[in-house]
Protein backbone atom coordinates (compact mmCIF):
# COMPACT_ATOMS: atom_id res chain seq x y z
CA MET A 1 54.97 49.44 -138.69
CA SER A 2 56.87 47.92 -141.59
CA VAL A 3 54.92 46.60 -144.55
CA PHE A 4 54.75 42.86 -145.10
CA THR A 5 56.98 42.94 -148.18
CA ASP A 6 59.83 44.87 -146.51
CA GLY A 7 61.72 41.66 -145.80
CA VAL A 8 62.29 39.57 -142.70
CA ILE A 9 59.46 40.07 -140.22
CA ALA A 10 60.54 37.83 -137.32
CA THR A 11 64.05 36.88 -136.26
CA ILE A 12 65.74 34.10 -134.32
CA GLU A 13 65.87 36.49 -131.35
CA ASP A 14 62.07 36.77 -131.55
CA LEU A 15 61.85 32.98 -131.36
CA ARG A 16 64.17 32.96 -128.34
CA GLY A 17 61.91 35.49 -126.65
CA TYR A 18 59.20 32.82 -126.46
CA GLU A 19 61.36 29.68 -126.32
CA SER A 20 64.77 30.19 -124.70
CA SER A 21 65.96 26.67 -125.58
CA ILE A 22 65.19 26.95 -129.30
CA LEU A 23 68.86 27.32 -130.32
CA ASN A 24 69.80 24.14 -128.48
CA VAL A 25 66.89 22.24 -130.05
CA ALA A 26 67.82 23.48 -133.52
CA HIS A 27 71.48 22.54 -133.04
CA THR A 28 70.68 19.09 -131.64
CA GLU A 29 68.18 18.23 -134.37
CA GLY A 30 69.98 19.97 -137.26
CA ILE A 31 67.17 22.45 -137.95
CA ASP A 32 67.87 25.69 -139.83
CA LEU A 33 65.87 28.33 -137.95
CA THR A 34 66.42 30.99 -140.61
CA ALA A 35 64.99 28.67 -143.24
CA LYS A 36 61.99 27.87 -141.04
CA LEU A 37 61.29 31.56 -140.47
CA ALA A 38 61.37 32.14 -144.23
CA LEU A 39 59.06 29.15 -144.83
CA SER A 40 56.57 30.38 -142.24
CA GLN A 41 56.56 33.87 -143.72
CA GLU A 42 55.92 32.46 -147.18
CA GLU A 43 53.03 30.34 -145.89
CA VAL A 44 51.50 33.34 -144.11
CA ALA A 45 51.90 35.35 -147.31
CA VAL A 46 49.99 32.72 -149.28
CA GLU A 47 47.11 32.77 -146.78
CA LEU A 48 46.94 36.56 -146.72
CA GLU A 49 46.95 36.74 -150.51
CA ALA A 50 44.05 34.28 -150.59
CA LEU A 51 42.08 36.26 -148.02
CA LEU A 52 42.58 39.87 -149.08
CA PRO A 53 40.89 39.64 -152.53
CA ARG A 54 37.77 38.33 -150.77
CA ARG A 55 36.98 41.84 -149.52
CA ARG A 56 33.68 43.20 -150.83
CA ALA A 57 33.84 45.90 -153.50
CA GLY A 58 33.82 49.39 -152.05
CA VAL A 59 35.36 48.48 -148.69
CA TRP A 60 38.92 49.25 -149.76
CA ASN A 61 39.38 52.82 -150.94
CA GLY A 62 43.13 52.80 -151.52
CA VAL A 63 44.67 54.23 -154.65
CA ASN A 64 45.92 50.80 -155.68
CA GLY A 65 42.50 49.18 -155.84
CA ARG A 66 42.16 45.93 -153.93
CA PRO A 67 44.78 45.51 -151.18
CA LYS A 68 47.85 43.40 -151.85
CA LEU A 69 50.66 42.14 -149.67
CA ASP A 70 52.61 45.38 -150.00
CA ASN A 71 49.59 47.21 -148.53
CA VAL A 72 49.66 45.05 -145.39
CA VAL A 73 51.47 46.39 -142.33
CA VAL A 74 52.99 44.09 -139.74
CA THR A 75 50.82 44.42 -136.65
CA ARG A 76 51.50 42.60 -133.38
CA PRO A 77 49.00 39.75 -134.01
CA LEU A 78 50.46 39.19 -137.49
CA LYS A 79 54.01 38.97 -136.14
CA GLN A 80 52.95 36.69 -133.29
CA TRP A 81 51.18 34.41 -135.76
CA LEU A 82 54.40 34.09 -137.72
CA ILE A 83 56.53 33.47 -134.60
CA PHE A 84 54.24 30.81 -133.13
CA ARG A 85 53.81 29.15 -136.52
CA THR A 86 57.59 28.92 -136.91
CA LEU A 87 58.02 27.40 -133.45
CA ALA A 88 55.31 24.85 -134.23
CA ILE A 89 57.11 23.89 -137.46
CA VAL A 90 60.45 23.57 -135.66
CA TYR A 91 59.00 21.26 -133.01
CA ARG A 92 57.09 19.32 -135.64
CA ASP A 93 60.36 18.57 -137.43
CA ALA A 94 62.11 17.79 -134.16
CA TYR A 95 59.34 15.37 -133.15
CA ASN A 96 59.28 13.65 -136.54
CA SER A 97 63.03 13.12 -136.20
CA GLN A 98 63.10 11.72 -132.65
CA LEU A 99 59.46 10.91 -131.76
CA ASN A 100 60.18 12.62 -128.44
CA ASP A 101 57.00 13.31 -126.45
CA ARG A 102 58.49 16.56 -125.11
CA TYR A 103 58.79 17.82 -128.67
CA LEU A 104 55.24 16.70 -129.39
CA GLY A 105 53.95 18.70 -126.42
CA LYS A 106 55.78 21.81 -127.62
CA ARG A 107 54.46 21.32 -131.14
CA LYS A 108 50.88 21.19 -129.86
CA GLU A 109 51.41 24.17 -127.57
CA TYR A 110 52.75 26.42 -130.33
CA SER A 111 50.20 25.19 -132.87
CA GLU A 112 47.45 26.31 -130.52
CA LEU A 113 49.18 29.64 -129.92
CA ALA A 114 49.50 30.14 -133.68
CA LYS A 115 45.77 29.53 -134.08
CA TRP A 116 45.10 31.98 -131.24
CA ALA A 117 47.24 34.68 -132.89
CA ALA A 118 45.49 34.06 -136.22
CA ARG A 119 42.11 34.49 -134.51
CA MET A 120 43.31 37.75 -132.95
CA LEU A 121 44.33 38.95 -136.40
CA SER A 122 40.90 38.02 -137.73
CA GLU A 123 39.17 39.88 -134.91
CA THR A 124 41.30 43.02 -134.89
CA GLY A 125 41.64 43.11 -138.68
CA VAL A 126 44.53 43.19 -141.10
CA GLY A 127 46.21 46.60 -140.94
CA VAL A 128 46.67 48.21 -144.36
CA VAL A 129 47.97 51.41 -145.96
CA SER A 130 46.84 52.74 -149.33
CA ALA A 131 50.26 54.08 -150.40
CA PRO A 132 52.89 51.77 -148.92
CA ILE A 133 56.41 53.14 -148.49
CA PRO A 134 58.99 50.36 -148.78
CA LYS A 135 61.94 49.99 -146.45
CA ALA A 136 64.93 52.00 -147.63
CA ASN A 137 68.14 50.39 -148.82
CA GLU A 138 71.37 51.14 -146.98
CA PRO A 139 72.50 54.70 -147.70
CA VAL A 140 75.50 55.70 -149.79
CA VAL A 141 78.04 57.39 -147.53
CA SER A 142 81.15 59.37 -148.44
CA MET A 143 83.28 62.31 -147.27
CA THR A 144 83.56 65.88 -148.41
CA PRO A 145 86.21 68.46 -147.42
CA GLY A 146 85.30 70.46 -144.30
CA ASN A 147 86.28 71.40 -140.78
CA GLY A 148 85.42 68.03 -139.29
CA VAL A 149 87.39 65.66 -137.09
CA ALA A 150 87.93 61.95 -137.58
CA GLY A 151 85.11 59.82 -136.25
CA ARG A 152 82.80 56.88 -136.76
CA TYR A 153 79.15 57.39 -137.65
CA TYR A 154 76.16 55.07 -137.69
CA VAL A 155 73.62 56.05 -140.34
CA ARG A 156 70.11 55.05 -141.41
CA VAL A 157 67.73 56.59 -143.95
CA ALA A 158 63.99 56.32 -144.57
CA TRP A 159 61.70 57.35 -147.44
CA ARG A 160 58.91 59.89 -146.95
CA ASN A 161 55.81 60.61 -149.03
CA THR A 162 53.89 63.83 -149.70
CA LEU A 163 51.76 63.27 -146.59
CA GLY A 164 54.84 63.25 -144.39
CA GLU A 165 54.53 59.54 -143.71
CA GLU A 166 57.77 57.65 -143.33
CA GLY A 167 58.62 54.07 -144.28
CA ALA A 168 60.74 51.63 -142.33
CA PRO A 169 64.34 52.84 -141.95
CA SER A 170 67.25 51.13 -143.65
CA GLU A 171 69.71 48.85 -141.92
CA VAL A 172 72.55 50.65 -140.16
CA CYS A 173 75.49 51.73 -142.30
CA VAL A 174 78.81 52.44 -140.56
CA ALA A 175 81.05 55.20 -141.95
CA ASP A 176 84.49 56.42 -140.82
CA THR A 177 85.64 59.97 -141.55
CA SER A 178 89.09 61.54 -141.30
CA ASP A 179 90.27 64.92 -140.06
CA GLY A 180 89.37 67.75 -142.42
CA THR A 181 86.29 66.02 -143.83
CA LEU A 182 82.54 65.89 -143.23
CA LEU A 183 80.21 62.94 -143.61
CA THR A 184 77.84 63.01 -146.60
CA VAL A 185 74.86 60.70 -147.06
CA ALA A 186 72.65 59.91 -150.05
CA ALA A 187 69.55 57.70 -150.28
CA ALA A 188 69.63 55.32 -153.23
CA ASP A 189 66.89 53.89 -155.48
CA PRO A 190 63.83 55.94 -154.45
CA PRO A 191 60.48 54.15 -154.88
CA PRO A 192 57.76 55.88 -156.96
CA VAL A 193 55.81 56.89 -153.85
CA ALA A 194 58.77 58.75 -152.31
CA SER A 195 58.84 62.54 -152.34
CA GLY A 196 61.85 62.89 -150.05
CA TRP A 197 63.82 61.14 -147.34
CA SER A 198 65.03 61.40 -143.76
CA VAL A 199 68.51 60.77 -142.40
CA TYR A 200 69.31 59.41 -138.95
CA ALA A 201 72.84 59.40 -137.57
CA GLY A 202 74.77 58.96 -134.35
CA THR A 203 78.19 58.14 -132.99
CA SER A 204 77.00 54.79 -131.62
CA ALA A 205 74.58 52.16 -132.87
CA ASP A 206 72.31 52.77 -129.87
CA ASP A 207 72.17 56.55 -130.25
CA ILE A 208 70.95 57.20 -133.80
CA THR A 209 68.59 60.17 -134.10
CA LEU A 210 66.91 62.26 -136.79
CA GLN A 211 69.22 64.84 -138.39
CA SER A 212 66.92 66.27 -141.08
CA VAL A 213 64.12 68.42 -139.66
CA GLU A 214 62.58 68.78 -143.12
CA ALA A 215 62.47 66.06 -145.75
CA ILE A 216 65.54 65.97 -147.98
CA GLY A 217 64.71 66.18 -151.69
CA LEU A 218 65.15 63.23 -154.01
CA GLY A 219 68.60 63.25 -155.57
CA GLN A 220 69.99 65.55 -152.87
CA GLN A 221 72.72 64.71 -150.37
CA TRP A 222 72.92 65.46 -146.65
CA THR A 223 76.16 66.73 -145.16
CA ALA A 224 76.87 66.54 -141.44
CA PRO A 225 77.11 70.03 -139.91
CA GLU A 226 80.51 71.25 -138.76
CA ALA A 227 79.00 71.97 -135.34
CA GLY A 228 78.20 68.28 -134.92
CA LEU A 229 75.12 66.09 -134.99
CA ILE A 230 71.83 67.22 -133.48
CA ARG A 231 69.65 65.10 -131.19
CA GLY A 232 66.35 64.45 -132.92
CA ARG A 233 63.87 61.65 -132.42
CA LYS A 234 64.71 57.98 -132.70
CA PRO A 235 63.90 56.14 -135.96
CA GLY A 236 60.39 54.78 -136.25
CA ASP A 237 59.42 51.36 -137.60
CA GLY A 238 57.35 52.43 -140.58
CA GLN A 239 53.83 53.56 -141.39
CA ASP A 240 50.85 53.18 -139.09
CA ALA A 241 47.86 51.35 -140.50
CA GLU A 242 45.26 53.61 -142.12
CA MET A 243 42.49 51.09 -141.56
CA TYR A 244 41.93 47.52 -140.45
CA LEU A 245 40.20 45.07 -142.76
CA THR A 246 38.36 42.19 -141.14
CA VAL A 247 38.66 39.02 -143.16
CA ASP A 248 35.64 37.13 -144.43
CA ARG A 249 36.53 33.93 -142.60
CA THR A 250 38.57 33.02 -139.56
CA LEU A 251 42.19 32.13 -140.22
CA GLN A 252 42.38 28.47 -139.26
CA ARG A 253 45.90 27.28 -139.79
CA GLY A 254 48.46 27.10 -136.99
């Protein structure tokens, strides 16, 4: 799971998964879906920040004291809350523009679903980690002389901590090599919690796998082997929650 502060949590494609006509509605009514997603995420952040400090002393044993937003991992109820909240906002704006009863019905439907997702989050608890690993930036790629052949590579990297936990992988970086060279990769701007990093690579965007069996040291580069890439596991999506904190009151807003 990615941590809340890694960046964009829900996308327009996530909205389309629940409401296939959302692009047409947004185009017709002049609604910026990206802006609405960002607004919803900011509103959810404000509510979470207000709730997390309410935890009783002694419940949270993380090294950073009381949990903050960067300790929160994005669980399914949290993401659904954000998606349904965004759809409710979109249909609210569409209804206020046209006073169309169909839009009003959709607004009410997604407002109720947002409240349901918020209740599920309250009941299952907010997932947290004590030592959050942030999402990695895109890697720095280059070439070094070697017995390689020209090709295109798709690369991602992820930070690891001393416990072997791995953060959310970077966005995909595309690199082209020429004959007589080998691909080299470096991870940039390590966070304080990082003790090493992992590299994932493939010859297509859909076939990126782990290339580093052991963690690569900070400041070190990875060079593609002359024998070619290996087939490791697929990239994960970040840390699993260490514990789930139930909030002191039910999240009410849709």
